[in-house]
Structure formats: structure tokens, C-alpha cells
Protein backbone atom coordinates (compact mmCIF):
# COMPACT_ATOMS: atom_id res chain seq x y z
CA MET A 1 95.72 87.47 88.96
CA PHE A 2 92.21 86.51 91.06
CA ASN A 3 90.70 83.87 88.88
CA ASN A 4 88.41 82.37 91.55
CA ILE A 5 85.09 83.47 89.73
CA SER A 6 83.91 83.95 86.47
CA PHE A 7 84.02 87.72 85.55
CA VAL A 8 80.89 86.82 83.82
CA SER A 9 78.75 86.26 86.98
CA LEU A 10 81.16 88.69 89.17
CA LEU A 11 79.79 91.35 86.82
CA ALA A 12 76.99 90.57 86.20
CA LEU A 13 76.29 90.14 90.28
CA PHE A 14 78.11 93.52 90.65
CA SER A 15 75.94 95.50 88.01
CA THR A 16 72.40 93.69 88.81
CA THR A 17 69.91 95.67 90.47
CA VAL A 18 66.55 95.12 91.53
CA THR A 19 63.47 97.21 92.26
CA ALA A 20 60.52 96.09 94.38
CA ASP A 21 57.52 97.85 93.47
CA GLU A 22 54.23 98.21 95.24
CA PRO A 23 50.89 99.55 93.93
CA THR A 24 49.92 103.12 95.38
CA ALA A 25 45.76 104.99 95.45
CA SER A 26 47.78 108.27 95.73
CA LYS A 27 50.72 110.35 96.49
CA GLU A 28 50.20 110.26 100.38
CA ASN A 29 50.13 106.32 100.29
CA GLU A 30 52.85 105.52 97.79
CA LYS A 31 56.46 104.60 99.68
CA PRO A 32 59.73 104.94 98.17
CA LYS A 33 61.08 102.38 95.79
CA ARG A 34 63.65 100.37 97.44
CA VAL A 35 66.30 99.27 95.10
CA GLN A 36 68.61 96.14 95.98
CA THR A 37 72.03 96.96 96.56
CA VAL A 38 74.89 95.47 95.65
CA ALA A 39 75.84 94.19 99.98
CA ASP A 40 72.10 92.43 99.92
CA ILE A 41 72.97 90.51 97.00
CA LEU A 42 76.41 89.75 98.19
CA GLU A 43 75.05 88.41 101.07
CA GLN A 44 73.51 85.81 99.15
CA PRO A 45 76.45 84.39 97.13
CA GLY A 46 79.45 86.71 98.13
CA VAL A 47 82.37 86.55 96.25
CA LEU A 48 83.69 83.19 96.86
CA THR A 49 82.24 79.71 96.65
CA PRO A 50 78.76 79.51 98.38
CA LYS A 51 78.19 78.11 101.25
CA GLY A 52 77.61 74.87 100.73
CA SER A 53 78.84 74.52 97.00
CA PHE A 54 81.91 72.15 95.29
CA VAL A 55 83.59 73.73 92.69
CA LEU A 56 85.59 70.98 90.39
CA ASP A 57 88.22 73.32 88.89
CA THR A 58 89.68 70.88 85.60
CA SER A 59 92.79 72.65 83.89
CA LEU A 60 95.41 72.25 81.83
CA SER A 61 98.60 74.70 81.21
CA TYR A 62 101.66 75.03 78.64
CA THR A 63 104.55 76.99 79.95
CA GLN A 64 107.39 77.92 77.17
CA ASN A 65 111.09 79.39 77.92
CA SER A 66 114.04 79.26 76.28
CA SER A 67 117.83 80.07 77.27
CA ASN A 68 121.43 80.86 75.98
CA SER A 69 124.49 80.60 78.35
CA VAL A 70 128.57 80.04 78.42
CA SER A 71 129.97 78.09 80.90
CA VAL A 72 132.99 76.69 81.87
CA VAL A 73 133.61 73.23 83.11
CA GLY A 74 137.13 73.70 84.77
CA TYR A 75 138.81 76.43 86.90
CA THR A 76 140.77 79.76 86.21
CA VAL A 77 144.28 80.66 86.43
CA LEU A 78 145.24 84.12 85.55
CA PRO A 79 141.92 86.60 84.64
CA SER A 80 142.63 85.80 81.10
CA LEU A 81 143.95 81.90 81.61
CA ILE A 82 141.01 79.00 81.68
CA VAL A 83 141.89 75.52 82.24
CA GLY A 84 138.83 73.39 81.54
CA LEU A 85 136.19 73.37 78.74
CA ILE A 86 133.89 75.95 77.59
CA ARG A 87 130.35 75.57 76.55
CA ALA A 88 127.73 77.74 75.10
CA SER A 89 124.10 76.08 75.17
CA ASP A 90 120.56 76.87 73.80
CA ILE A 91 118.01 75.48 76.25
CA ASP A 92 114.46 74.94 75.22
CA ARG A 93 112.33 74.22 78.38
CA THR A 94 108.51 73.06 77.97
CA THR A 95 106.26 72.73 80.68
CA LEU A 96 102.78 70.72 80.74
CA THR A 97 100.65 70.60 83.92
CA PHE A 98 97.81 69.46 84.56
CA GLY A 99 95.40 70.24 87.96
CA LEU A 100 92.70 68.89 89.64
CA THR A 101 91.17 72.14 91.96
CA GLY A 102 88.87 71.49 94.51
CA ARG A 103 86.59 74.25 96.17
CA TYR A 104 84.33 74.26 99.19
CA GLY A 105 81.91 77.49 100.40
CA ILE A 106 82.25 76.54 104.57
CA THR A 107 80.45 79.70 104.79
CA ASN A 108 80.01 82.62 101.94
CA ARG A 109 82.55 84.35 103.41
CA LEU A 110 84.98 81.62 103.78
CA GLU A 111 86.36 78.87 101.55
CA VAL A 112 88.78 76.23 101.98
CA GLU A 113 90.62 75.05 98.38
CA ALA A 114 92.85 71.47 97.64
CA ARG A 115 95.06 71.33 94.73
CA ILE A 116 96.55 68.36 92.74
CA PRO A 117 99.14 69.25 90.21
CA TRP A 118 100.73 66.84 88.00
CA VAL A 119 104.01 68.10 85.82
CA TYR A 120 105.71 66.46 82.64
CA ARG A 121 108.95 68.75 81.86
CA SER A 122 110.74 68.10 78.96
CA ASP A 123 114.16 70.29 78.47
CA SER A 124 116.42 70.33 74.33
CA ILE A 125 119.29 70.82 75.44
CA SER A 126 122.27 72.52 72.14
CA GLU A 127 125.45 72.01 73.21
CA ARG A 128 128.90 73.26 71.12
CA ASP A 129 132.40 73.16 72.98
CA LEU A 130 134.04 76.53 72.13
CA ASN A 131 137.68 75.13 71.76
CA SER A 132 137.49 71.48 71.38
CA GLY A 133 136.99 72.44 67.36
CA SER A 134 133.67 71.13 67.02
CA ASN A 135 132.09 72.01 64.06
CA THR A 136 128.54 70.69 64.96
CA ALA A 137 126.41 70.90 68.37
CA SER A 138 125.31 67.93 70.50
CA LEU A 139 121.48 67.73 71.10
CA ARG A 140 120.24 66.00 74.05
CA THR A 141 116.99 65.55 76.09
CA VAL A 142 116.13 65.58 79.60
CA ASP A 143 112.52 65.48 81.04
CA GLY A 144 110.53 64.58 84.25
CA ASN A 145 106.90 63.21 84.68
CA ASP A 146 105.19 62.68 88.16
CA ILE A 147 103.16 64.55 90.76
CA GLY A 148 103.87 68.67 91.33
CA ASP A 149 103.47 69.81 95.40
CA ILE A 150 100.02 69.56 96.16
CA GLU A 151 98.70 72.76 97.98
CA ALA A 152 95.86 73.53 100.31
CA ALA A 153 94.58 76.90 100.66
CA PHE A 154 91.76 79.36 102.85
CA LYS A 155 90.26 82.18 101.46
CA TYR A 156 87.98 84.68 103.63
CA GLN A 157 86.10 87.78 102.48
CA ILE A 158 86.61 90.57 105.08
CA ASN A 159 83.99 92.98 103.66
CA MET A 160 80.53 92.35 102.42
CA GLN A 161 79.03 95.79 103.09
CA ASP A 162 80.86 98.33 100.81
CA ALA A 163 83.42 98.36 98.13
CA PRO A 164 86.12 97.40 97.42
CA TYR A 165 86.00 93.95 98.85
CA TRP A 166 88.99 92.64 100.82
CA ILE A 167 89.80 88.94 100.61
CA GLY A 168 92.70 87.52 102.29
CA SER A 169 94.35 84.19 101.54
CA LEU A 170 96.74 81.30 103.68
CA ARG A 171 98.02 79.18 101.11
CA PHE A 172 100.55 76.08 101.96
CA LYS A 173 102.34 74.22 99.53
CA SER A 174 103.73 70.91 100.64
CA THR A 175 106.68 69.04 98.80
CA THR A 176 104.81 65.89 97.26
CA GLY A 177 106.59 66.89 93.60
CA LYS A 178 110.02 65.26 92.94
CA SER A 179 113.06 67.50 94.70
CA PRO A 180 115.58 69.05 92.45
CA TYR A 181 118.13 67.39 95.18
CA ASP A 182 116.48 63.85 94.66
CA VAL A 183 117.08 63.32 90.82
CA PRO A 184 120.56 61.44 89.10
CA ILE A 185 122.95 64.33 87.73
CA ASN A 186 125.91 63.37 85.73
CA SER A 187 129.75 64.54 85.85
CA LEU A 188 128.85 67.91 84.28
CA ASN A 189 126.54 68.39 87.06
CA ASP A 190 123.41 68.57 84.66
CA PHE A 191 120.21 66.97 85.39
CA GLU A 192 119.86 63.54 84.26
CA GLU A 193 115.71 63.42 84.83
CA LEU A 194 114.08 66.74 85.50
CA PRO A 195 112.13 67.34 89.00
CA THR A 196 108.65 68.15 89.10
CA GLY A 197 108.61 69.84 92.86
CA SER A 198 110.86 72.65 94.39
CA GLY A 199 112.04 70.30 97.56
CA PHE A 200 110.85 72.75 100.09
CA PRO A 201 107.25 73.74 101.48
CA SER A 202 106.01 77.28 101.49
CA ILE A 203 103.08 79.58 103.32
CA GLU A 204 101.69 82.02 100.83
CA PRO A 205 99.10 85.17 102.72
CA GLY A 206 97.70 87.26 100.59
CA ILE A 207 95.55 90.13 100.17
CA THR A 208 93.29 91.12 97.30
CA MET A 209 91.25 93.65 96.52
CA ILE A 210 88.38 94.23 94.29
CA MET A 211 85.99 96.88 92.94
CA PRO A 212 82.96 97.27 90.69
CA ILE A 213 83.20 100.14 88.81
CA ASP A 214 80.11 99.26 86.30
CA PRO A 215 80.63 97.41 83.69
CA ALA A 216 83.92 96.59 84.76
CA VAL A 217 85.49 95.29 87.61
CA ILE A 218 89.15 96.14 89.02
CA PHE A 219 91.45 94.06 90.93
CA MET A 220 94.59 93.95 92.61
CA ASN A 221 96.36 91.22 94.97
CA PHE A 222 99.49 91.70 96.93
CA SER A 223 101.38 87.91 98.20
CA TYR A 224 104.21 86.96 100.03
CA ILE A 225 105.97 83.49 99.80
CA TRP A 226 108.16 82.52 102.41
CA ASN A 227 110.02 79.37 101.28
CA ILE A 228 110.94 77.16 105.04
CA LYS A 229 114.64 76.18 104.84
CA ASP A 230 115.16 72.43 105.35
CA ASP A 231 118.61 70.41 105.15
CA VAL A 232 119.06 68.48 102.18
CA GLU A 233 122.08 65.54 101.58
CA VAL A 234 124.55 67.02 98.51
CA ASP A 235 126.69 64.02 97.02
CA ILE A 236 130.14 65.80 96.40
CA THR A 237 131.87 62.80 94.76
CA ILE A 238 134.55 63.02 92.66
CA PRO A 239 133.66 61.81 88.96
CA GLY A 240 135.70 58.33 89.19
CA GLU A 241 135.56 57.96 92.50
CA ASP A 242 133.56 55.45 94.37
CA SER A 243 132.93 56.39 98.31
CA ASP A 244 129.81 56.55 100.65
CA GLU A 245 131.29 59.17 102.47
CA ASN A 246 131.72 61.93 100.14
CA ILE A 247 127.77 63.04 101.18
CA ARG A 248 127.67 67.24 102.89
CA VAL A 249 124.16 68.09 104.43
CA ASP A 250 123.72 71.42 104.03
CA THR A 251 120.94 74.14 104.73
CA ILE A 252 119.20 75.29 101.93
CA ASP A 253 117.18 78.63 102.52
CA LEU A 254 115.68 79.29 99.16
CA GLY A 255 115.06 83.28 98.02
CA ASP A 256 111.04 84.12 99.45
CA THR A 257 108.64 85.94 96.83
CA ILE A 258 107.43 89.60 97.03
CA GLY A 259 104.51 89.42 94.66
CA PHE A 260 101.86 92.08 93.19
CA SER A 261 99.23 92.01 90.27
CA ALA A 262 96.45 94.59 88.88
CA GLY A 263 94.13 94.43 86.24
CA MET A 264 90.78 94.78 85.08
CA GLY A 265 87.76 92.27 83.86
CA PHE A 266 85.00 93.83 81.24
CA ALA A 267 81.93 92.06 80.71
CA VAL A 268 81.05 92.19 77.04
CA ASN A 269 77.96 90.30 77.68
CA PRO A 270 75.87 87.53 80.08
CA LYS A 271 77.99 85.06 78.80
CA PHE A 272 81.73 86.36 77.87
CA SER A 273 84.07 88.36 79.18
CA PHE A 274 87.64 89.34 79.38
CA SER A 275 90.13 90.80 81.45
CA LEU A 276 93.56 92.04 81.33
CA GLY A 277 96.53 92.11 83.94
CA LEU A 278 100.37 92.74 85.17
CA SER A 279 102.07 90.38 87.32
CA HIS A 280 105.63 91.59 88.87
CA LYS A 281 107.54 89.08 91.31
CA THR A 282 110.35 89.40 93.46
CA ILE A 283 112.59 86.33 94.01
CA LEU A 284 115.08 87.31 96.94
CA LYS A 285 118.72 85.78 97.25
CA SER A 286 119.30 81.80 98.30
CA LYS A 287 121.60 81.16 101.21
CA ILE A 288 123.54 78.03 102.02
CA ASN A 289 124.14 77.59 105.35
CA GLY A 290 123.02 80.70 106.58
CA THR A 291 125.74 82.37 103.61
CA THR A 292 124.55 84.30 100.97
CA SER A 293 126.77 83.39 97.56
CA SER A 294 128.78 86.00 96.06
CA ASP A 295 126.86 85.14 92.62
CA ALA A 296 123.91 85.31 94.45
CA LYS A 297 120.91 88.11 92.44
CA LEU A 298 117.34 88.81 92.96
CA LEU A 299 115.60 88.14 89.98
CA GLN A 300 112.25 90.03 88.61
CA LEU A 301 109.57 88.50 86.83
CA ASP A 302 107.27 90.64 84.93
CA SER A 303 104.67 89.79 83.09
CA LEU A 304 101.85 90.41 80.91
CA SER A 305 98.65 88.42 81.01
CA PHE A 306 94.94 88.08 78.50
CA GLY A 307 91.97 85.96 80.13
CA ALA A 308 88.89 85.21 78.03
CA ASN A 309 85.89 83.78 80.04
CA TYR A 310 82.87 81.78 78.49
CA ALA A 311 79.50 80.72 80.63
CA VAL A 312 78.75 77.70 79.11
CA ASP A 313 75.62 76.97 81.63
CA ARG A 314 74.98 78.20 85.32
CA ASP A 315 77.50 76.18 86.88
CA THR A 316 79.92 75.50 83.90
CA THR A 317 83.04 78.09 82.28
CA ILE A 318 85.42 77.39 79.87
CA ASN A 319 88.72 80.51 80.75
CA VAL A 320 91.63 80.78 78.54
CA GLY A 321 94.28 82.57 79.69
CA ALA A 322 97.38 83.57 77.77
CA THR A 323 100.67 85.00 79.47
CA ALA A 324 103.60 86.71 78.09
CA GLY A 325 107.08 87.22 79.97
CA ILE A 326 108.49 90.90 79.51
CA THR A 327 111.55 90.65 81.69
CA ALA A 328 114.33 87.80 80.84
CA ASP A 329 114.03 85.97 84.08
CA ALA A 330 109.94 85.36 83.48
CA PRO A 331 108.89 82.31 81.27
CA ASP A 332 108.68 83.81 77.40
CA PHE A 333 104.67 82.28 77.14
CA GLN A 334 102.40 80.27 78.80
CA LEU A 335 99.18 79.56 77.82
CA SER A 336 96.42 78.16 80.60
CA VAL A 337 92.96 76.48 79.78
CA ARG A 338 90.01 76.39 83.01
CA ILE A 339 86.99 74.38 83.21
CA PRO A 340 85.33 75.13 86.87
CA TYR A 341 82.22 72.96 87.23
CA THR A 342 80.28 74.02 89.88
CA LEU A 343 78.57 71.10 91.98
CA LYS A 344 75.36 72.18 94.32
């Protein structure tokens, strides 16, 4: 969703017309009234952050997800004979992310953005060994908190004259967060501490379309996330053995992500607006040492979102958004609160 600006101000901007009246003595001397167009208005503030303005955007998001799985710790002798331990697990994942984002308008067409996240994750795992005769499930909790992956982006408004308006963007994500390959694991290959970053840098080009249809605004966005492959060290030490030589270096190429979202924003009054949207992401298969694993699959993430925006004053807005996943791979629920504040 295109969330850099308030729908209240955007819709008010697109629906504003100004008439310049001039005194006339007769019809011969009367000059036609000139109506200020959207293009005239956009030449002043634009759709992005106005030239010379700085926006400090504070955000807090809560994400909840759950999954059920059955795993085998062991090996298969025959298709119907398993030697090892069968475990059924129920995992509830909670993520809290505090973000601090700054945006600066270099020109009315071009803005630069930087985002610093702090991530807290907690997994509550209920496990039961199916073939050990256990009557109760064991419960363990794993958490982790640290700085996340810092991001930087550029956004450029391509046209300012005629609708629809097109905005191009280029985002870069760093690896400042704790990587999944940097946290300790136990003998069952389970995390003893949760990572706060992906461990791989990425580049995300995107294009956004904004179409004003008074009193609403329709928006669409298309993006592609290219995850840059990297070499990682993998500990292959067998439990019970202590050796510094059991380190293998693998080249990991995370699957890229194709994203599309669309929706509508509607202004109820000059201070309040709401938006509805649909988001889809396809995560491609990952590769290890140039080979795609036989059990790798495409991930399809679809979600519905609802947002409400209230303008406290000319410089401060409060944005509350809720997202519900509608596919198995998508997070179950996400709630976010953003408070952008404009510094002239």
C-alpha cells in the first residue's frame, strides 16, 4: 500500500479547485474565469514530501502467526518404516517492530527515505512426541530482540500534469539485523534465539500509480525484491562431537519476491479518511549452491488490509492499519500504528 502520505491531505488536494474572479464592467470586457487545475496544485507540494520538508514517521506494528506441523527426527528405512522420533508441534509467533523513518523532500518530485527498525520476536512452541507414549505436551518459549535490517529508499514522481500519477521507487535493505545463521541452534536444529533480520541484502525497485476519482483515490503498486546471494558458514557438527573442522560454506540464494497491491482511499471529511486494499506476494524458490531443493515450493501470500487516518493538525496525522492473511503462508494478523510528523 502506498503509505507515505495521508489520504486526508491527498484527497483534499485532488478535490480542491480555486476560482479567480475579476471585476467586469460589461460582457465585452468580461474575461473567462480560470479554474486552478490539479496540475497547478501539484506544482506546489507534489504527491511526495515537499521540497525542503522533513517527515519523522514513528511506527509500531504487532504481527501474530500460528502454524501446525509434524516432523521426523531420524531416517526412513522403508516407505512404511520410520526409525527416529515423530514430533507434532503447534507454534504461535509474535513479532513487535518499532520503526523510526525519516523522509526528506529534495525536490517536489524527489524524496529520500531511511528506516531504522527494532524487532522483538517470541515463539511459543507446544510439542508432543507421538511415538513415545507421552500424555502431555511440552511447552518452550524462544525469543530474540535486536536492531532489524536498516533500509534506505529513493522515490521519484514521474509526471505532475495529468492523472494517473506515477511514482518510481528504489529501496535497499541492509543486513544489520541478526541473521538466522548467526543465532545458536540445538541438536534438533531448533533456534535457541530468534533472528531479527534476513541475513541477506536486497534491492527492491517498484512503481506506484495514483488515480484521483473525486472523492476517492485509487492506487496500485508493483514491486520486485531481488535478494542478493551470499556465502554463509553452516555448522555440520554431529551432536556429541566437538570439532572445529565441521564447518561448511554454502552459497545461499533466497527466493526473490514479486509483489502487487491495489486499493482505494476515501475521505469522509477534511480530517478523517479510510482505505481498503488487497496485497499479493509470490516468493520464488530458494537455491543452495546453485541447486533448488526438491522440497522447495513457491510461497503465495495474500492479505486484506484496512486503514484509518486522522489529521490531528496540519503537520501531524495518526494512521491505524489492520491486515488479515487469507492464505496459509501469509501472517494471520497484523496491526500497525503510524504517527508521521512534518518538520518545515
